[in-house]
C-alpha atoms as a PDB file:
ATOM      1  CA  MET A   1       3.429 -18.328 -17.714  1.00  0.00           C
ATOM      2  CA  GLY A   2       2.689 -14.676 -17.021  1.00  0.00           C
ATOM      3  CA  CYS A   3       0.591 -12.471 -19.225  1.00  0.00           C
ATOM      4  CA  SER A   4       3.608 -11.634 -21.382  1.00  0.00           C
ATOM      5  CA  GLU A   5       4.256 -15.332 -22.114  1.00  0.00           C
ATOM      6  CA  SER A   6       7.536 -15.260 -20.233  1.00  0.00           C
ATOM      7  CA  SER A   7       7.931 -16.928 -16.891  1.00  0.00           C
ATOM      8  CA  SER A   8       6.787 -14.954 -13.895  1.00  0.00           C
ATOM      9  CA  THR A   9       8.349 -15.397 -10.495  1.00  0.00           C
ATOM     10  CA  SER A  10       8.252 -13.675  -7.155  1.00  0.00           C
ATOM     11  CA  GLU A  11      11.955 -12.970  -7.666  1.00  0.00           C
ATOM     12  CA  ASN A  12      11.016 -10.179 -10.121  1.00  0.00           C
ATOM     13  CA  ILE A  13       8.619  -8.355  -7.761  1.00  0.00           C
ATOM     14  CA  ARG A  14       9.946  -5.231  -6.000  1.00  0.00           C
ATOM     15  CA  PHE A  15       8.408  -2.453  -3.901  1.00  0.00           C
ATOM     16  CA  TYR A  16       9.424   1.174  -4.308  1.00  0.00           C
ATOM     17  CA  THR A  17       8.213   4.720  -3.803  1.00  0.00           C
ATOM     18  CA  ASP A  18       8.700   7.594  -6.214  1.00  0.00           C
ATOM     19  CA  PRO A  19       9.790  10.865  -4.573  1.00  0.00           C
ATOM     20  CA  ASP A  20       8.862  12.707  -7.787  1.00  0.00           C
ATOM     21  CA  LYS A  21       5.230  11.553  -7.535  1.00  0.00           C
ATOM     22  CA  LYS A  22       3.945  14.220  -5.190  1.00  0.00           C
ATOM     23  CA  SER A  23       1.625  17.144  -5.471  1.00  0.00           C
ATOM     24  CA  GLU A  24       0.634  20.106  -3.357  1.00  0.00           C
ATOM     25  CA  ALA A  25      -2.957  19.730  -4.623  1.00  0.00           C
ATOM     26  CA  PRO A  26      -4.782  17.571  -2.019  1.00  0.00           C
ATOM     27  CA  VAL A  27      -6.854  15.688  -4.603  1.00  0.00           C
ATOM     28  CA  GLU A  28      -3.652  14.596  -6.397  1.00  0.00           C
ATOM     29  CA  ARG A  29      -1.596  13.792  -3.296  1.00  0.00           C
ATOM     30  CA  LEU A  30      -1.107  10.063  -2.763  1.00  0.00           C
ATOM     31  CA  THR A  31       0.567   9.984   0.641  1.00  0.00           C
ATOM     32  CA  TYR A  32       0.352   6.217   1.223  1.00  0.00           C
ATOM     33  CA  GLY A  33       1.278   5.122  -2.316  1.00  0.00           C
ATOM     34  CA  LEU A  34       3.465   2.089  -2.993  1.00  0.00           C
ATOM     35  CA  PHE A  35       4.692   0.893  -6.404  1.00  0.00           C
ATOM     36  CA  ILE A  36       4.916  -2.865  -7.055  1.00  0.00           C
ATOM     37  CA  THR A  37       6.671  -4.218 -10.143  1.00  0.00           C
ATOM     38  CA  ALA A  38       4.971  -6.991 -12.107  1.00  0.00           C
ATOM     39  CA  PRO A  39       6.410 -10.498 -11.676  1.00  0.00           C
ATOM     40  CA  TRP A  40       7.230 -10.896 -15.360  1.00  0.00           C
ATOM     41  CA  GLU A  41       9.908  -9.061 -17.327  1.00  0.00           C
ATOM     42  CA  ASN A  42       8.828  -5.639 -18.678  1.00  0.00           C
ATOM     43  CA  GLY A  43       5.413  -6.283 -17.138  1.00  0.00           C
ATOM     44  CA  GLY A  44       4.621  -2.796 -15.881  1.00  0.00           C
ATOM     45  CA  VAL A  45       3.723  -1.563 -12.410  1.00  0.00           C
ATOM     46  CA  LEU A  46       0.862  -1.813  -9.935  1.00  0.00           C
ATOM     47  CA  TYR A  47       0.347   1.333  -7.871  1.00  0.00           C
ATOM     48  CA  LEU A  48      -1.256   0.601  -4.501  1.00  0.00           C
ATOM     49  CA  ASN A  49      -2.590   3.475  -2.407  1.00  0.00           C
ATOM     50  CA  PHE A  50      -2.737   1.667   0.938  1.00  0.00           C
ATOM     51  CA  PRO A  51      -5.020   3.174   2.085  1.00  0.00           C
ATOM     52  CA  GLU A  52      -6.615   5.835  -0.031  1.00  0.00           C
ATOM     53  CA  HIS A  53      -9.103   6.501   2.771  1.00  0.00           C
ATOM     54  CA  LEU A  54      -9.442   4.933   6.200  1.00  0.00           C
ATOM     55  CA  GLU A  55     -12.612   5.919   8.043  1.00  0.00           C
ATOM     56  CA  TYR A  56     -14.063   4.945  11.400  1.00  0.00           C
ATOM     57  CA  ASN A  57     -17.830   5.357  11.070  1.00  0.00           C
ATOM     58  CA  PRO A  58     -20.602   5.385   8.441  1.00  0.00           C
ATOM     59  CA  VAL A  59     -20.462   9.201   8.216  1.00  0.00           C
ATOM     60  CA  GLY A  60     -16.898   8.972   6.899  1.00  0.00           C
ATOM     61  CA  ASN A  61     -14.867  10.522   9.713  1.00  0.00           C
ATOM     62  CA  THR A  62     -11.226  10.063   8.915  1.00  0.00           C
ATOM     63  CA  ILE A  63      -8.328   8.110  10.338  1.00  0.00           C
ATOM     64  CA  LEU A  64      -6.080   8.483   7.254  1.00  0.00           C
ATOM     65  CA  ARG A  65      -6.629  10.130   3.843  1.00  0.00           C
ATOM     66  CA  HIS A  66      -4.556  10.076   0.673  1.00  0.00           C
ATOM     67  CA  TRP A  67      -4.090  13.835   0.995  1.00  0.00           C
ATOM     68  CA  ASP A  68      -2.548  13.725   4.497  1.00  0.00           C
ATOM     69  CA  SER A  69       0.201  16.341   4.604  1.00  0.00           C
ATOM     70  CA  ILE A  70       3.106  14.096   5.568  1.00  0.00           C
ATOM     71  CA  PRO A  71       5.866  12.630   3.385  1.00  0.00           C
ATOM     72  CA  ASN A  72       5.247   9.162   1.972  1.00  0.00           C
ATOM     73  CA  PRO A  73       5.889   6.999   5.066  1.00  0.00           C
ATOM     74  CA  TRP A  74       6.784   3.683   3.391  1.00  0.00           C
ATOM     75  CA  VAL A  75      10.200   2.306   4.368  1.00  0.00           C
ATOM     76  CA  ILE A  76      11.493  -0.165   1.786  1.00  0.00           C
ATOM     77  CA  SER A  77      13.928  -2.970   2.644  1.00  0.00           C
ATOM     78  CA  PRO A  78      17.291  -2.837   0.812  1.00  0.00           C
ATOM     79  CA  ASP A  79      16.299  -5.781  -1.422  1.00  0.00           C
ATOM     80  CA  GLY A  80      12.889  -4.235  -2.248  1.00  0.00           C
ATOM     81  CA  LYS A  81      11.026  -7.325  -1.004  1.00  0.00           C
ATOM     82  CA  GLN A  82       9.388  -5.753   2.073  1.00  0.00           C
ATOM     83  CA  ALA A  83       7.900  -2.382   2.937  1.00  0.00           C
ATOM     84  CA  SER A  84       6.281  -0.990   6.065  1.00  0.00           C
ATOM     85  CA  TYR A  85       5.215   2.142   7.893  1.00  0.00           C
ATOM     86  CA  ARG A  86       3.764   3.317  11.197  1.00  0.00           C
ATOM     87  CA  VAL A  87       1.971   6.663  11.352  1.00  0.00           C
ATOM     88  CA  GLN A  88      -0.202   8.503  13.815  1.00  0.00           C
ATOM     89  CA  SER A  89      -3.574   9.659  12.514  1.00  0.00           C
ATOM     90  CA  LEU A  90      -3.577  13.399  11.863  1.00  0.00           C
ATOM     91  CA  ALA A  91      -7.283  13.492  12.774  1.00  0.00           C
ATOM     92  CA  LEU A  92      -7.337  11.285  15.894  1.00  0.00           C
ATOM     93  CA  ASN A  93      -4.738  11.624  18.621  1.00  0.00           C
ATOM     94  CA  ASP A  94      -3.476   8.308  19.954  1.00  0.00           C
ATOM     95  CA  VAL A  95      -4.636   6.299  16.916  1.00  0.00           C
ATOM     96  CA  TYR A  96      -1.831   4.669  14.924  1.00  0.00           C
ATOM     97  CA  VAL A  97      -1.830   2.749  11.667  1.00  0.00           C
ATOM     98  CA  GLU A  98       0.820   0.179  10.773  1.00  0.00           C
ATOM     99  CA  SER A  99       1.009  -1.267   7.279  1.00  0.00           C
ATOM    100  CA  PHE A 100       3.220  -3.998   5.926  1.00  0.00           C
ATOM    101  CA  ALA A 101       3.837  -5.485   2.478  1.00  0.00           C
ATOM    102  CA  ARG A 102       6.045  -8.395   1.492  1.00  0.00           C
ATOM    103  CA  VAL A 103       6.686 -10.504  -1.559  1.00  0.00           C
ATOM    104  CA  MET A 104       5.311 -13.984  -0.969  1.00  0.00           C
ATOM    105  CA  GLU A 105       7.559 -17.015  -1.227  1.00  0.00           C
ATOM    106  CA  GLU A 106       7.280 -19.373  -4.181  1.00  0.00           C
ATOM    107  CA  GLY A 107       4.547 -21.937  -3.556  1.00  0.00           C
ATOM    108  CA  ALA A 108       2.604 -19.775  -1.078  1.00  0.00           C
ATOM    109  CA  ILE A 109      -0.215 -19.306  -3.607  1.00  0.00           C
ATOM    110  CA  PRO A 110      -1.853 -22.147  -5.572  1.00  0.00           C
ATOM    111  CA  PHE A 111      -0.323 -22.988  -8.949  1.00  0.00           C
ATOM    112  CA  ASP A 112       2.931 -21.315  -7.827  1.00  0.00           C
ATOM    113  CA  ALA A 113       1.537 -17.932  -8.845  1.00  0.00           C
ATOM    114  CA  PRO A 114       3.721 -15.036  -7.662  1.00  0.00           C
ATOM    115  CA  GLY A 115       2.134 -12.532  -5.310  1.00  0.00           C
ATOM    116  CA  VAL A 116       2.394 -10.055  -2.480  1.00  0.00           C
ATOM    117  CA  HIS A 117       0.881  -9.944   0.987  1.00  0.00           C
ATOM    118  CA  VAL A 118      -0.301  -6.640   2.443  1.00  0.00           C
ATOM    119  CA  ALA A 119      -1.617  -6.119   5.951  1.00  0.00           C
ATOM    120  CA  MET A 120      -2.745  -3.225   8.097  1.00  0.00           C
ATOM    121  CA  ARG A 121      -3.198  -2.858  11.836  1.00  0.00           C
ATOM    122  CA  ILE A 122      -4.990  -0.017  13.614  1.00  0.00           C
ATOM    123  CA  ILE A 123      -3.963   0.691  17.195  1.00  0.00           C
ATOM    124  CA  ASN A 124      -6.310   2.830  19.282  1.00  0.00           C
ATOM    125  CA  HIS A 125      -4.713   4.168  22.469  1.00  0.00           C
ATOM    126  CA  GLY A 126      -7.336   6.909  22.691  1.00  0.00           C
ATOM    127  CA  THR A 127     -10.607   7.096  24.577  1.00  0.00           C
ATOM    128  CA  GLN A 128     -12.870   7.358  21.514  1.00  0.00           C
ATOM    129  CA  THR A 129     -14.381   4.094  20.281  1.00  0.00           C
ATOM    130  CA  LEU A 130     -13.994   3.450  16.555  1.00  0.00           C
ATOM    131  CA  PRO A 131     -17.347   1.734  15.871  1.00  0.00           C
ATOM    132  CA  VAL A 132     -16.759   0.798  12.218  1.00  0.00           C
ATOM    133  CA  ILE A 133     -13.540   0.684  10.199  1.00  0.00           C
ATOM    134  CA  ARG A 134     -14.026   1.422   6.496  1.00  0.00           C
ATOM    135  CA  PRO A 135     -10.922   1.139   4.302  1.00  0.00           C
ATOM    136  CA  LEU A 136     -10.777   2.222   0.684  1.00  0.00           C
ATOM    137  CA  ILE A 137      -7.835   0.665  -1.131  1.00  0.00           C
ATOM    138  CA  CYS A 138      -6.984   2.066  -4.561  1.00  0.00           C
ATOM    139  CA  ASN A 139      -5.089   0.129  -7.257  1.00  0.00           C
ATOM    140  CA  GLN A 140      -3.818   1.688 -10.462  1.00  0.00           C
ATOM    141  CA  PHE A 141      -2.207  -0.398 -13.181  1.00  0.00           C
ATOM    142  CA  ARG A 142       0.391   1.230 -15.411  1.00  0.00           C
ATOM    143  CA  ASP A 143       1.734  -0.429 -18.542  1.00  0.00           C
ATOM    144  CA  LEU A 144       0.855  -3.957 -17.402  1.00  0.00           C
ATOM    145  CA  THR A 145       1.422  -6.410 -20.232  1.00  0.00           C
END
């Protein structure tokens, strides 16, 4: 049973973006944001900023930031079960980030719990070494029951 005491299944999970959720103020811009519906009916939404920040050294030099001035790059499959993007870093030429999200199949997690899988790949075709990769992933829960 899910938190709302109704059954929860992966069938109910969907990815989407919200074109109305944008801001010109950099601190409020969430360029890499993805909405994920809860697996139980009327369960609310998880907002995943994937990533909020992606840095390549201890000083905090940037690969991606939530305020990057590009449209939300997520491409959602027609059934809402997969999402992906590929972007070039605005700060580092020849560095690309690919992200992928998919709803997991029933039975992929113990106790048949529904879930999602997210992954990220960084591709460096440049000459600068990226000594440390530091991701910051932000989750916001809205109206989860």
